[in-house]
Amino acid sequence: QVQLVESGGGLVQAGGSLRLSCAASGLTFSSYAMAWFRQAPGKEREFVAVISWSGSTNYLDSVKGRFTISRDNAKSTVYLQMTSLKPEDTAVYYCAAGLRLPNTKGSSWGQGTQVTVSS
């Protein structure tokens, strides 16, 4: 059974930085694409960033140049380094593992971690 456990969320002032981590188990991590999504209050969940099994990346336009997704296959962990945070980045951030990401069909999800950016 796939398990994804996010950590690293918290409260930060605008302009600050956070690094989210997602530890995966129950899957052949190096074979899976990994992604981060987020959901703000009253809004639908949206794609933030994806990293393929081979390391290629793609980002939501509004986070390009500020967020960096990376993976450590030896630790079965994916990271999201977030810098120059803005209040509009406030959301619950979810980690996902799948073979077709950012298409979420058949993906597994973590429980989410709250990121709050104060102005």
Protein backbone atom coordinates (compact mmCIF):
# COMPACT_ATOMS: atom_id res chain seq x y z
CA GLN A 1 0.00 0.00 0.00
CA VAL A 2 1.36 3.36 -1.04
CA GLN A 3 1.90 5.86 1.75
CA LEU A 4 2.90 9.49 1.27
CA VAL A 5 3.70 11.63 4.30
CA GLU A 6 4.19 15.38 3.85
CA SER A 7 6.01 17.64 6.27
CA GLY A 8 7.54 21.09 6.41
CA GLY A 9 4.48 23.31 6.23
CA GLY A 10 3.93 26.23 8.55
CA LEU A 11 3.41 29.96 8.93
CA VAL A 12 5.81 32.29 7.15
CA GLN A 13 5.86 35.97 6.26
CA ALA A 14 5.59 37.14 2.67
CA GLY A 15 8.97 36.92 0.99
CA GLY A 16 10.04 34.02 3.16
CA SER A 17 10.90 30.43 2.29
CA LEU A 18 9.77 26.93 3.21
CA ARG A 19 10.81 23.46 2.12
CA LEU A 20 8.17 20.77 1.95
CA SER A 21 9.10 17.09 2.04
CA CYS A 22 7.11 14.03 1.07
CA ALA A 23 8.36 10.62 2.16
CA ALA A 24 7.01 7.73 0.12
CA SER A 25 6.73 4.04 0.88
CA GLY A 26 5.03 1.01 -0.62
CA LEU A 27 6.10 1.77 -4.20
CA THR A 28 9.11 1.58 -6.48
CA PHE A 29 9.80 5.26 -5.98
CA SER A 30 12.29 5.70 -8.81
CA SER A 31 9.69 4.52 -11.34
CA TYR A 32 7.05 7.06 -10.39
CA ALA A 33 6.45 10.67 -11.28
CA MET A 34 5.92 12.81 -8.19
CA ALA A 35 4.00 16.03 -7.94
CA TRP A 36 2.78 18.74 -5.63
CA PHE A 37 -0.74 20.14 -5.74
CA ARG A 38 -2.39 22.71 -3.52
CA GLN A 39 -5.87 23.68 -2.46
CA ALA A 40 -6.74 27.08 -1.08
CA PRO A 41 -9.95 27.67 0.91
CA GLY A 42 -12.96 27.77 -1.37
CA LYS A 43 -10.92 26.80 -4.44
CA GLU A 44 -10.30 23.63 -6.38
CA ARG A 45 -7.09 21.68 -6.02
CA GLU A 46 -4.49 22.89 -8.52
CA PHE A 47 -1.27 21.53 -9.93
CA VAL A 48 1.91 23.17 -8.64
CA ALA A 49 4.90 21.14 -9.84
CA VAL A 50 5.84 17.72 -11.18
CA ILE A 51 9.06 15.77 -11.52
CA SER A 52 9.23 12.72 -13.74
CA TRP A 53 11.05 9.49 -12.93
CA SER A 54 13.90 10.79 -15.09
CA GLY A 55 14.05 14.16 -13.36
CA SER A 56 12.36 16.45 -15.86
CA THR A 57 10.21 19.12 -14.24
CA ASN A 58 7.25 21.33 -14.97
CA TYR A 59 5.59 24.10 -12.95
CA LEU A 60 2.48 26.18 -12.58
CA ASP A 61 3.24 29.48 -14.28
CA SER A 62 2.70 31.53 -11.12
CA VAL A 63 5.40 29.62 -9.20
CA LYS A 64 8.06 29.41 -11.92
CA GLY A 65 11.30 30.91 -10.70
CA ARG A 66 10.16 30.74 -7.06
CA PHE A 67 9.51 27.04 -6.43
CA THR A 68 11.81 24.11 -7.16
CA ILE A 69 10.78 20.46 -7.10
CA SER A 70 13.44 17.80 -6.59
CA ARG A 71 13.67 14.15 -5.65
CA ASP A 72 16.04 11.88 -3.78
CA ASN A 73 15.45 8.34 -4.98
CA ALA A 74 17.75 6.90 -2.31
CA LYS A 75 15.47 8.36 0.37
CA SER A 76 12.20 7.89 -1.57
CA THR A 77 11.49 11.55 -0.92
CA VAL A 78 10.34 14.46 -3.02
CA TYR A 79 10.86 18.08 -2.03
CA LEU A 80 9.33 21.42 -2.87
CA GLN A 81 11.57 24.37 -2.12
CA MET A 82 9.44 27.49 -1.99
CA THR A 83 10.99 30.96 -1.98
CA SER A 84 9.65 34.50 -2.30
CA LEU A 85 6.38 33.27 -0.88
CA LYS A 86 3.24 35.33 -1.41
CA PRO A 87 -0.04 35.39 0.51
CA GLU A 88 -1.71 33.80 -2.51
CA ASP A 89 0.49 30.73 -2.00
CA THR A 90 -1.48 29.99 1.17
CA ALA A 91 -3.04 26.54 0.79
CA VAL A 92 -2.92 22.95 1.87
CA TYR A 93 -0.15 21.33 -0.17
CA TYR A 94 -0.53 17.71 -1.23
CA CYS A 95 2.05 15.28 -2.52
CA ALA A 96 1.04 12.82 -5.24
CA ALA A 97 2.66 9.75 -6.77
CA GLY A 98 1.58 8.39 -10.13
CA LEU A 99 2.57 7.12 -13.52
CA ARG A 100 0.71 9.80 -15.49
CA LEU A 101 1.21 12.94 -13.43
CA PRO A 102 0.19 15.70 -13.71
CA ASN A 103 -2.78 13.63 -14.89
CA THR A 104 -3.96 12.44 -11.49
CA LYS A 105 -5.86 9.32 -12.59
CA GLY A 106 -4.69 6.39 -10.53
CA SER A 107 -2.42 8.51 -8.32
CA SER A 108 -1.87 8.16 -4.62
CA TRP A 109 -2.08 11.15 -2.30
CA GLY A 110 -0.69 12.30 1.00
CA GLN A 111 -2.72 13.87 3.77
CA GLY A 112 -1.54 17.40 3.05
CA THR A 113 0.44 20.03 4.91
CA GLN A 114 -0.74 23.58 5.60
CA VAL A 115 1.25 26.52 4.27
CA THR A 116 0.18 29.95 5.44
CA VAL A 117 1.85 33.11 4.14
CA SER A 118 1.11 36.29 6.04
CA SER A 119 1.29 39.73 4.43
